[in-house]
Amino acid sequence: MKKTGMAKSDAKKLMGKMAAPGGAGFGSDNVVVVDRREQRKRDQALGLIPFAVKLNSDLVQQLQALAKERGLDLNEVTAEVLIKGLKA
């Protein structure tokens, strides 16, 4: 392989590492990357299951604003609103 080919190959490897999950912390040693499988295990341990639902965009914006206002995760706010609604 020629020098230019080697340089291209090295550049592709480098770009692949930067585009990989956790690439934002490329070059820093203190970044902890949790893969999807590990995240699923953590969620299962907490009793969480994925639940996809289609909502009106206005309703989603209200939920996002409420989450931002309270400084909570969107999942936590949605669960809280659902629990209150089901109790009523």
PDB file of N, CA and C in Angstrom:
ATOM      1  N   MET A   1       0.851  -1.171   0.000  1.00  0.00           N
ATOM      2  CA  MET A   1       0.000   0.000   0.000  1.00  0.00           C
ATOM      3  C   MET A   1       0.901   1.240   0.000  1.00  0.00           C
ATOM      4  N   LYS A   2       0.514   2.220  -0.772  1.00  0.00           N
ATOM      5  CA  LYS A   2       1.294   3.459  -0.863  1.00  0.00           C
ATOM      6  C   LYS A   2       1.068   4.321   0.374  1.00  0.00           C
ATOM      7  N   LYS A   3       1.938   5.321   0.535  1.00  0.00           N
ATOM      8  CA  LYS A   3       1.835   6.228   1.683  1.00  0.00           C
ATOM      9  C   LYS A   3       0.484   6.942   1.719  1.00  0.00           C
ATOM     10  N   THR A   4       0.018   7.372   0.567  1.00  0.00           N
ATOM     11  CA  THR A   4      -1.267   8.091   0.535  1.00  0.00           C
ATOM     12  C   THR A   4      -2.417   7.179   0.912  1.00  0.00           C
ATOM     13  N   GLY A   5      -2.338   5.932   0.484  1.00  0.00           N
ATOM     14  CA  GLY A   5      -3.365   4.956   0.853  1.00  0.00           C
ATOM     15  C   GLY A   5      -3.378   4.699   2.339  1.00  0.00           C
ATOM     16  N   MET A   6      -2.191   4.602   2.932  1.00  0.00           N
ATOM     17  CA  MET A   6      -2.086   4.405   4.382  1.00  0.00           C
ATOM     18  C   MET A   6      -2.656   5.611   5.129  1.00  0.00           C
ATOM     19  N   ALA A   7      -2.359   6.807   4.638  1.00  0.00           N
ATOM     20  CA  ALA A   7      -2.860   8.018   5.281  1.00  0.00           C
ATOM     21  C   ALA A   7      -4.384   8.078   5.204  1.00  0.00           C
ATOM     22  N   LYS A   8      -4.941   7.697   4.060  1.00  0.00           N
ATOM     23  CA  LYS A   8      -6.399   7.684   3.908  1.00  0.00           C
ATOM     24  C   LYS A   8      -7.024   6.675   4.857  1.00  0.00           C
ATOM     25  N   SER A   9      -6.390   5.500   4.961  1.00  0.00           N
ATOM     26  CA  SER A   9      -6.904   4.463   5.855  1.00  0.00           C
ATOM     27  C   SER A   9      -6.882   4.934   7.309  1.00  0.00           C
ATOM     28  N   ASP A  10      -5.790   5.562   7.713  1.00  0.00           N
ATOM     29  CA  ASP A  10      -5.699   6.082   9.078  1.00  0.00           C
ATOM     30  C   ASP A  10      -6.745   7.162   9.328  1.00  0.00           C
ATOM     31  N   ALA A  11      -6.965   8.009   8.342  1.00  0.00           N
ATOM     32  CA  ALA A  11      -7.953   9.078   8.483  1.00  0.00           C
ATOM     33  C   ALA A  11      -9.352   8.499   8.621  1.00  0.00           C
ATOM     34  N   LYS A  12      -9.664   7.447   7.864  1.00  0.00           N
ATOM     35  CA  LYS A  12     -10.985   6.808   7.955  1.00  0.00           C
ATOM     36  C   LYS A  12     -11.189   6.194   9.339  1.00  0.00           C
ATOM     37  N   LYS A  13     -10.139   5.562   9.865  1.00  0.00           N
ATOM     38  CA  LYS A  13     -10.238   4.980  11.204  1.00  0.00           C
ATOM     39  C   LYS A  13     -10.500   6.066  12.249  1.00  0.00           C
ATOM     40  N   LEU A  14      -9.782   7.165  12.129  1.00  0.00           N
ATOM     41  CA  LEU A  14      -9.939   8.271  13.061  1.00  0.00           C
ATOM     42  C   LEU A  14     -11.345   8.861  12.981  1.00  0.00           C
ATOM     43  N   MET A  15     -11.851   9.054  11.770  1.00  0.00           N
ATOM     44  CA  MET A  15     -13.199   9.601  11.598  1.00  0.00           C
ATOM     45  C   MET A  15     -14.248   8.633  12.132  1.00  0.00           C
ATOM     46  N   GLY A  16     -14.009   7.343  11.960  1.00  0.00           N
ATOM     47  CA  GLY A  16     -14.928   6.342  12.480  1.00  0.00           C
ATOM     48  C   GLY A  16     -14.991   6.381  13.994  1.00  0.00           C
ATOM     49  N   LYS A  17     -13.855   6.594  14.644  1.00  0.00           N
ATOM     50  CA  LYS A  17     -13.844   6.692  16.103  1.00  0.00           C
ATOM     51  C   LYS A  17     -14.560   7.943  16.578  1.00  0.00           C
ATOM     52  N   MET A  18     -14.430   9.023  15.828  1.00  0.00           N
ATOM     53  CA  MET A  18     -15.078  10.276  16.219  1.00  0.00           C
ATOM     54  C   MET A  18     -16.588  10.199  16.038  1.00  0.00           C
ATOM     55  N   ALA A  19     -17.069   9.429  15.061  1.00  0.00           N
ATOM     56  CA  ALA A  19     -18.497   9.335  14.794  1.00  0.00           C
ATOM     57  C   ALA A  19     -19.169   8.280  15.667  1.00  0.00           C
ATOM     58  N   ALA A  20     -18.389   7.460  16.338  1.00  0.00           N
ATOM     59  CA  ALA A  20     -18.935   6.396  17.175  1.00  0.00           C
ATOM     60  C   ALA A  20     -19.628   6.991  18.397  1.00  0.00           C
ATOM     61  N   PRO A  21     -20.517   6.198  19.056  1.00  0.00           N
ATOM     62  CA  PRO A  21     -21.155   6.689  20.276  1.00  0.00           C
ATOM     63  C   PRO A  21     -20.099   7.101  21.287  1.00  0.00           C
ATOM     64  N   GLY A  22     -20.312   8.257  21.877  1.00  0.00           N
ATOM     65  CA  GLY A  22     -19.336   8.778  22.821  1.00  0.00           C
ATOM     66  C   GLY A  22     -18.233   9.548  22.126  1.00  0.00           C
ATOM     67  N   GLY A  23     -18.396   9.821  20.862  1.00  0.00           N
ATOM     68  CA  GLY A  23     -17.379  10.525  20.101  1.00  0.00           C
ATOM     69  C   GLY A  23     -17.204  11.965  20.521  1.00  0.00           C
ATOM     70  N   ALA A  24     -18.163  12.521  21.207  1.00  0.00           N
ATOM     71  CA  ALA A  24     -18.044  13.910  21.664  1.00  0.00           C
ATOM     72  C   ALA A  24     -16.903  14.050  22.652  1.00  0.00           C
ATOM     73  N   GLY A  25     -16.627  12.988  23.379  1.00  0.00           N
ATOM     74  CA  GLY A  25     -15.539  13.029  24.337  1.00  0.00           C
ATOM     75  C   GLY A  25     -14.257  12.455  23.774  1.00  0.00           C
ATOM     76  N   PHE A  26     -14.117  12.449  22.458  1.00  0.00           N
ATOM     77  CA  PHE A  26     -12.949  11.870  21.809  1.00  0.00           C
ATOM     78  C   PHE A  26     -11.688  12.534  22.316  1.00  0.00           C
ATOM     79  N   GLY A  27     -10.758  11.709  22.794  1.00  0.00           N
ATOM     80  CA  GLY A  27      -9.501  12.247  23.277  1.00  0.00           C
ATOM     81  C   GLY A  27      -9.470  12.465  24.777  1.00  0.00           C
ATOM     82  N   SER A  28     -10.603  12.474  25.435  1.00  0.00           N
ATOM     83  CA  SER A  28     -10.600  12.648  26.885  1.00  0.00           C
ATOM     84  C   SER A  28     -10.738  11.281  27.540  1.00  0.00           C
ATOM     85  N   ASP A  29     -10.057  11.083  28.637  1.00  0.00           N
ATOM     86  CA  ASP A  29     -10.005   9.775  29.275  1.00  0.00           C
ATOM     87  C   ASP A  29     -11.120   9.545  30.292  1.00  0.00           C
ATOM     88  N   ASN A  30     -11.779  10.592  30.745  1.00  0.00           N
ATOM     89  CA  ASN A  30     -12.745  10.442  31.827  1.00  0.00           C
ATOM     90  C   ASN A  30     -14.185  10.313  31.346  1.00  0.00           C
ATOM     91  N   VAL A  31     -14.407   9.954  30.102  1.00  0.00           N
ATOM     92  CA  VAL A  31     -15.752   9.827  29.550  1.00  0.00           C
ATOM     93  C   VAL A  31     -16.249   8.404  29.754  1.00  0.00           C
ATOM     94  N   VAL A  32     -17.429   8.253  30.346  1.00  0.00           N
ATOM     95  CA  VAL A  32     -18.029   6.949  30.541  1.00  0.00           C
ATOM     96  C   VAL A  32     -19.126   6.781  29.499  1.00  0.00           C
ATOM     97  N   VAL A  33     -18.980   5.756  28.668  1.00  0.00           N
ATOM     98  CA  VAL A  33     -19.948   5.493  27.615  1.00  0.00           C
ATOM     99  C   VAL A  33     -20.736   4.253  27.990  1.00  0.00           C
ATOM    100  N   VAL A  34     -22.057   4.374  28.022  1.00  0.00           N
ATOM    101  CA  VAL A  34     -22.916   3.250  28.332  1.00  0.00           C
ATOM    102  C   VAL A  34     -23.554   2.796  27.021  1.00  0.00           C
ATOM    103  N   ASP A  35     -23.325   1.551  26.660  1.00  0.00           N
ATOM    104  CA  ASP A  35     -23.912   1.063  25.416  1.00  0.00           C
ATOM    105  C   ASP A  35     -25.389   0.750  25.619  1.00  0.00           C
ATOM    106  N   ARG A  36     -26.059   0.482  24.542  1.00  0.00           N
ATOM    107  CA  ARG A  36     -27.522   0.279  24.594  1.00  0.00           C
ATOM    108  C   ARG A  36     -27.901  -0.921  25.435  1.00  0.00           C
ATOM    109  N   ARG A  37     -27.127  -1.987  25.326  1.00  0.00           N
ATOM    110  CA  ARG A  37     -27.438  -3.193  26.096  1.00  0.00           C
ATOM    111  C   ARG A  37     -27.348  -2.913  27.597  1.00  0.00           C
ATOM    112  N   GLU A  38     -26.302  -2.219  28.006  1.00  0.00           N
ATOM    113  CA  GLU A  38     -26.137  -1.868  29.414  1.00  0.00           C
ATOM    114  C   GLU A  38     -27.256  -0.940  29.880  1.00  0.00           C
ATOM    115  N   GLN A  39     -27.658   0.019  29.030  1.00  0.00           N
ATOM    116  CA  GLN A  39     -28.739   0.932  29.383  1.00  0.00           C
ATOM    117  C   GLN A  39     -30.049   0.177  29.548  1.00  0.00           C
ATOM    118  N   ARG A  40     -30.317  -0.816  28.679  1.00  0.00           N
ATOM    119  CA  ARG A  40     -31.528  -1.630  28.815  1.00  0.00           C
ATOM    120  C   ARG A  40     -31.526  -2.388  30.128  1.00  0.00           C
ATOM    121  N   LYS A  41     -30.364  -2.923  30.510  1.00  0.00           N
ATOM    122  CA  LYS A  41     -30.267  -3.645  31.779  1.00  0.00           C
ATOM    123  C   LYS A  41     -30.549  -2.716  32.955  1.00  0.00           C
ATOM    124  N   ARG A  42     -30.018  -1.506  32.897  1.00  0.00           N
ATOM    125  CA  ARG A  42     -30.265  -0.527  33.971  1.00  0.00           C
ATOM    126  C   ARG A  42     -31.743  -0.170  34.037  1.00  0.00           C
ATOM    127  N   ASP A  43     -32.355   0.047  32.883  1.00  0.00           N
ATOM    128  CA  ASP A  43     -33.780   0.382  32.854  1.00  0.00           C
ATOM    129  C   ASP A  43     -34.627  -0.765  33.388  1.00  0.00           C
ATOM    130  N   GLN A  44     -34.294  -2.004  33.015  1.00  0.00           N
ATOM    131  CA  GLN A  44     -35.043  -3.162  33.503  1.00  0.00           C
ATOM    132  C   GLN A  44     -34.916  -3.303  35.011  1.00  0.00           C
ATOM    133  N   ALA A  45     -33.737  -3.016  35.539  1.00  0.00           N
ATOM    134  CA  ALA A  45     -33.540  -3.100  36.985  1.00  0.00           C
ATOM    135  C   ALA A  45     -34.416  -2.084  37.716  1.00  0.00           C
ATOM    136  N   LEU A  46     -34.692  -0.961  37.062  1.00  0.00           N
ATOM    137  CA  LEU A  46     -35.563   0.058  37.648  1.00  0.00           C
ATOM    138  C   LEU A  46     -37.038  -0.214  37.366  1.00  0.00           C
ATOM    139  N   GLY A  47     -37.332  -1.273  36.617  1.00  0.00           N
ATOM    140  CA  GLY A  47     -38.712  -1.610  36.291  1.00  0.00           C
ATOM    141  C   GLY A  47     -39.267  -0.795  35.138  1.00  0.00           C
ATOM    142  N   LEU A  48     -38.401  -0.210  34.324  1.00  0.00           N
ATOM    143  CA  LEU A  48     -38.834   0.621  33.202  1.00  0.00           C
ATOM    144  C   LEU A  48     -38.943  -0.212  31.937  1.00  0.00           C
ATOM    145  N   ILE A  49     -39.964   0.066  31.151  1.00  0.00           N
ATOM    146  CA  ILE A  49     -40.112  -0.585  29.851  1.00  0.00           C
ATOM    147  C   ILE A  49     -40.356   0.502  28.809  1.00  0.00           C
ATOM    148  N   PRO A  50     -39.897   0.283  27.587  1.00  0.00           N
ATOM    149  CA  PRO A  50     -40.144   1.279  26.540  1.00  0.00           C
ATOM    150  C   PRO A  50     -41.628   1.318  26.188  1.00  0.00           C
ATOM    151  N   PHE A  51     -42.148   2.517  25.994  1.00  0.00           N
ATOM    152  CA  PHE A  51     -43.568   2.692  25.688  1.00  0.00           C
ATOM    153  C   PHE A  51     -43.691   3.822  24.674  1.00  0.00           C
ATOM    154  N   ALA A  52     -43.835   3.457  23.417  1.00  0.00           N
ATOM    155  CA  ALA A  52     -43.932   4.458  22.354  1.00  0.00           C
ATOM    156  C   ALA A  52     -45.384   4.883  22.180  1.00  0.00           C
ATOM    157  N   VAL A  53     -45.585   6.171  22.021  1.00  0.00           N
ATOM    158  CA  VAL A  53     -46.921   6.713  21.841  1.00  0.00           C
ATOM    159  C   VAL A  53     -46.812   7.962  20.969  1.00  0.00           C
ATOM    160  N   LYS A  54     -47.818   8.198  20.154  1.00  0.00           N
ATOM    161  CA  LYS A  54     -47.845   9.394  19.318  1.00  0.00           C
ATOM    162  C   LYS A  54     -48.736  10.429  19.989  1.00  0.00           C
ATOM    163  N   LEU A  55     -48.171  11.628  20.172  1.00  0.00           N
ATOM    164  CA  LEU A  55     -48.898  12.703  20.837  1.00  0.00           C
ATOM    165  C   LEU A  55     -48.930  13.936  19.950  1.00  0.00           C
ATOM    166  N   ASN A  56     -49.903  14.785  20.202  1.00  0.00           N
ATOM    167  CA  ASN A  56     -50.010  16.060  19.513  1.00  0.00           C
ATOM    168  C   ASN A  56     -48.784  16.900  19.852  1.00  0.00           C
ATOM    169  N   SER A  57     -48.258  17.635  18.884  1.00  0.00           N
ATOM    170  CA  SER A  57     -47.036  18.414  19.100  1.00  0.00           C
ATOM    171  C   SER A  57     -47.219  19.476  20.190  1.00  0.00           C
ATOM    172  N   ASP A  58     -48.412  20.047  20.309  1.00  0.00           N
ATOM    173  CA  ASP A  58     -48.661  21.037  21.370  1.00  0.00           C
ATOM    174  C   ASP A  58     -48.525  20.398  22.752  1.00  0.00           C
ATOM    175  N   LEU A  59     -49.042  19.197  22.886  1.00  0.00           N
ATOM    176  CA  LEU A  59     -48.958  18.486  24.156  1.00  0.00           C
ATOM    177  C   LEU A  59     -47.499  18.158  24.495  1.00  0.00           C
ATOM    178  N   VAL A  60     -46.742  17.743  23.509  1.00  0.00           N
ATOM    179  CA  VAL A  60     -45.322  17.436  23.719  1.00  0.00           C
ATOM    180  C   VAL A  60     -44.560  18.692  24.135  1.00  0.00           C
ATOM    181  N   GLN A  61     -44.869  19.813  23.517  1.00  0.00           N
ATOM    182  CA  GLN A  61     -44.206  21.074  23.883  1.00  0.00           C
ATOM    183  C   GLN A  61     -44.531  21.460  25.320  1.00  0.00           C
ATOM    184  N   GLN A  62     -45.780  21.230  25.735  1.00  0.00           N
ATOM    185  CA  GLN A  62     -46.150  21.522  27.122  1.00  0.00           C
ATOM    186  C   GLN A  62     -45.384  20.630  28.094  1.00  0.00           C
ATOM    187  N   LEU A  63     -45.249  19.348  27.738  1.00  0.00           N
ATOM    188  CA  LEU A  63     -44.504  18.428  28.589  1.00  0.00           C
ATOM    189  C   LEU A  63     -43.029  18.815  28.661  1.00  0.00           C
ATOM    190  N   GLN A  64     -42.458  19.202  27.537  1.00  0.00           N
ATOM    191  CA  GLN A  64     -41.057  19.613  27.509  1.00  0.00           C
ATOM    192  C   GLN A  64     -40.845  20.882  28.331  1.00  0.00           C
ATOM    193  N   ALA A  65     -41.768  21.826  28.226  1.00  0.00           N
ATOM    194  CA  ALA A  65     -41.658  23.063  29.002  1.00  0.00           C
ATOM    195  C   ALA A  65     -41.765  22.774  30.499  1.00  0.00           C
ATOM    196  N   LEU A  66     -42.670  21.874  30.861  1.00  0.00           N
ATOM    197  CA  LEU A  66     -42.835  21.501  32.262  1.00  0.00           C
ATOM    198  C   LEU A  66     -41.573  20.808  32.786  1.00  0.00           C
ATOM    199  N   ALA A  67     -40.982  19.960  31.978  1.00  0.00           N
ATOM    200  CA  ALA A  67     -39.752  19.266  32.369  1.00  0.00           C
ATOM    201  C   ALA A  67     -38.607  20.260  32.552  1.00  0.00           C
ATOM    202  N   LYS A  68     -38.520  21.212  31.639  1.00  0.00           N
ATOM    203  CA  LYS A  68     -37.455  22.217  31.729  1.00  0.00           C
ATOM    204  C   LYS A  68     -37.661  23.100  32.949  1.00  0.00           C
ATOM    205  N   GLU A  69     -38.905  23.463  33.203  1.00  0.00           N
ATOM    206  CA  GLU A  69     -39.246  24.318  34.347  1.00  0.00           C
ATOM    207  C   GLU A  69     -38.883  23.648  35.669  1.00  0.00           C
ATOM    208  N   ARG A  70     -39.166  22.364  35.762  1.00  0.00           N
ATOM    209  CA  ARG A  70     -38.899  21.626  36.998  1.00  0.00           C
ATOM    210  C   ARG A  70     -37.479  21.071  37.064  1.00  0.00           C
ATOM    211  N   GLY A  71     -36.769  21.105  35.947  1.00  0.00           N
ATOM    212  CA  GLY A  71     -35.411  20.574  35.917  1.00  0.00           C
ATOM    213  C   GLY A  71     -35.369  19.061  35.985  1.00  0.00           C
ATOM    214  N   LEU A  72     -36.395  18.426  35.432  1.00  0.00           N
ATOM    215  CA  LEU A  72     -36.485  16.969  35.438  1.00  0.00           C
ATOM    216  C   LEU A  72     -36.369  16.416  34.030  1.00  0.00           C
ATOM    217  N   ASP A  73     -36.221  15.112  33.952  1.00  0.00           N
ATOM    218  CA  ASP A  73     -36.190  14.403  32.683  1.00  0.00           C
ATOM    219  C   ASP A  73     -37.607  14.325  32.122  1.00  0.00           C
ATOM    220  N   LEU A  74     -37.733  14.328  30.809  1.00  0.00           N
ATOM    221  CA  LEU A  74     -39.044  14.255  30.167  1.00  0.00           C
ATOM    222  C   LEU A  74     -39.779  12.979  30.568  1.00  0.00           C
ATOM    223  N   ASN A  75     -39.053  11.876  30.729  1.00  0.00           N
ATOM    224  CA  ASN A  75     -39.677  10.623  31.146  1.00  0.00           C
ATOM    225  C   ASN A  75     -40.300  10.750  32.530  1.00  0.00           C
ATOM    226  N   GLU A  76     -39.601  11.407  33.447  1.00  0.00           N
ATOM    227  CA  GLU A  76     -40.108  11.568  34.807  1.00  0.00           C
ATOM    228  C   GLU A  76     -41.353  12.437  34.835  1.00  0.00           C
ATOM    229  N   VAL A  77     -41.343  13.515  34.074  1.00  0.00           N
ATOM    230  CA  VAL A  77     -42.499  14.418  34.045  1.00  0.00           C
ATOM    231  C   VAL A  77     -43.702  13.718  33.421  1.00  0.00           C
ATOM    232  N   THR A  78     -43.474  12.988  32.338  1.00  0.00           N
ATOM    233  CA  THR A  78     -44.571  12.277  31.675  1.00  0.00           C
ATOM    234  C   THR A  78     -45.173  11.241  32.612  1.00  0.00           C
ATOM    235  N   ALA A  79     -44.331  10.507  33.326  1.00  0.00           N
ATOM    236  CA  ALA A  79     -44.830   9.510  34.279  1.00  0.00           C
ATOM    237  C   ALA A  79     -45.645  10.183  35.378  1.00  0.00           C
ATOM    238  N   GLU A  80     -45.159  11.312  35.875  1.00  0.00           N
ATOM    239  CA  GLU A  80     -45.863  12.038  36.932  1.00  0.00           C
ATOM    240  C   GLU A  80     -47.242  12.503  36.463  1.00  0.00           C
ATOM    241  N   VAL A  81     -47.303  13.048  35.250  1.00  0.00           N
ATOM    242  CA  VAL A  81     -48.572  13.530  34.704  1.00  0.00           C
ATOM    243  C   VAL A  81     -49.541  12.367  34.490  1.00  0.00           C
ATOM    244  N   LEU A  82     -49.040  11.242  34.000  1.00  0.00           N
ATOM    245  CA  LEU A  82     -49.893  10.075  33.800  1.00  0.00           C
ATOM    246  C   LEU A  82     -50.438   9.539  35.129  1.00  0.00           C
ATOM    247  N   ILE A  83     -49.599   9.492  36.135  1.00  0.00           N
ATOM    248  CA  ILE A  83     -50.042   8.999  37.446  1.00  0.00           C
ATOM    249  C   ILE A  83     -51.122   9.894  38.020  1.00  0.00           C
ATOM    250  N   LYS A  84     -50.911  11.214  37.938  1.00  0.00           N
ATOM    251  CA  LYS A  84     -51.931  12.154  38.434  1.00  0.00           C
ATOM    252  C   LYS A  84     -53.228  12.025  37.653  1.00  0.00           C
ATOM    253  N   GLY A  85     -53.127  11.868  36.340  1.00  0.00           N
ATOM    254  CA  GLY A  85     -54.318  11.733  35.512  1.00  0.00           C
ATOM    255  C   GLY A  85     -55.084  10.468  35.775  1.00  0.00           C
ATOM    256  N   LEU A  86     -54.381   9.376  36.034  1.00  0.00           N
ATOM    257  CA  LEU A  86     -55.038   8.100  36.304  1.00  0.00           C
ATOM    258  C   LEU A  86     -55.687   8.062  37.681  1.00  0.00           C
ATOM    259  N   LYS A  87     -55.121   8.805  38.629  1.00  0.00           N
ATOM    260  CA  LYS A  87     -55.713   8.863  39.954  1.00  0.00           C
ATOM    261  C   LYS A  87     -56.992   9.686  39.976  1.00  0.00           C
ATOM    262  N   ALA A  88     -57.083  10.657  39.073  1.00  0.00           N
ATOM    263  CA  ALA A  88     -58.242  11.547  39.052  1.00  0.00           C
ATOM    264  C   ALA A  88     -59.472  10.863  38.515  1.00  0.00           C
TER     265      ALA A  88
END
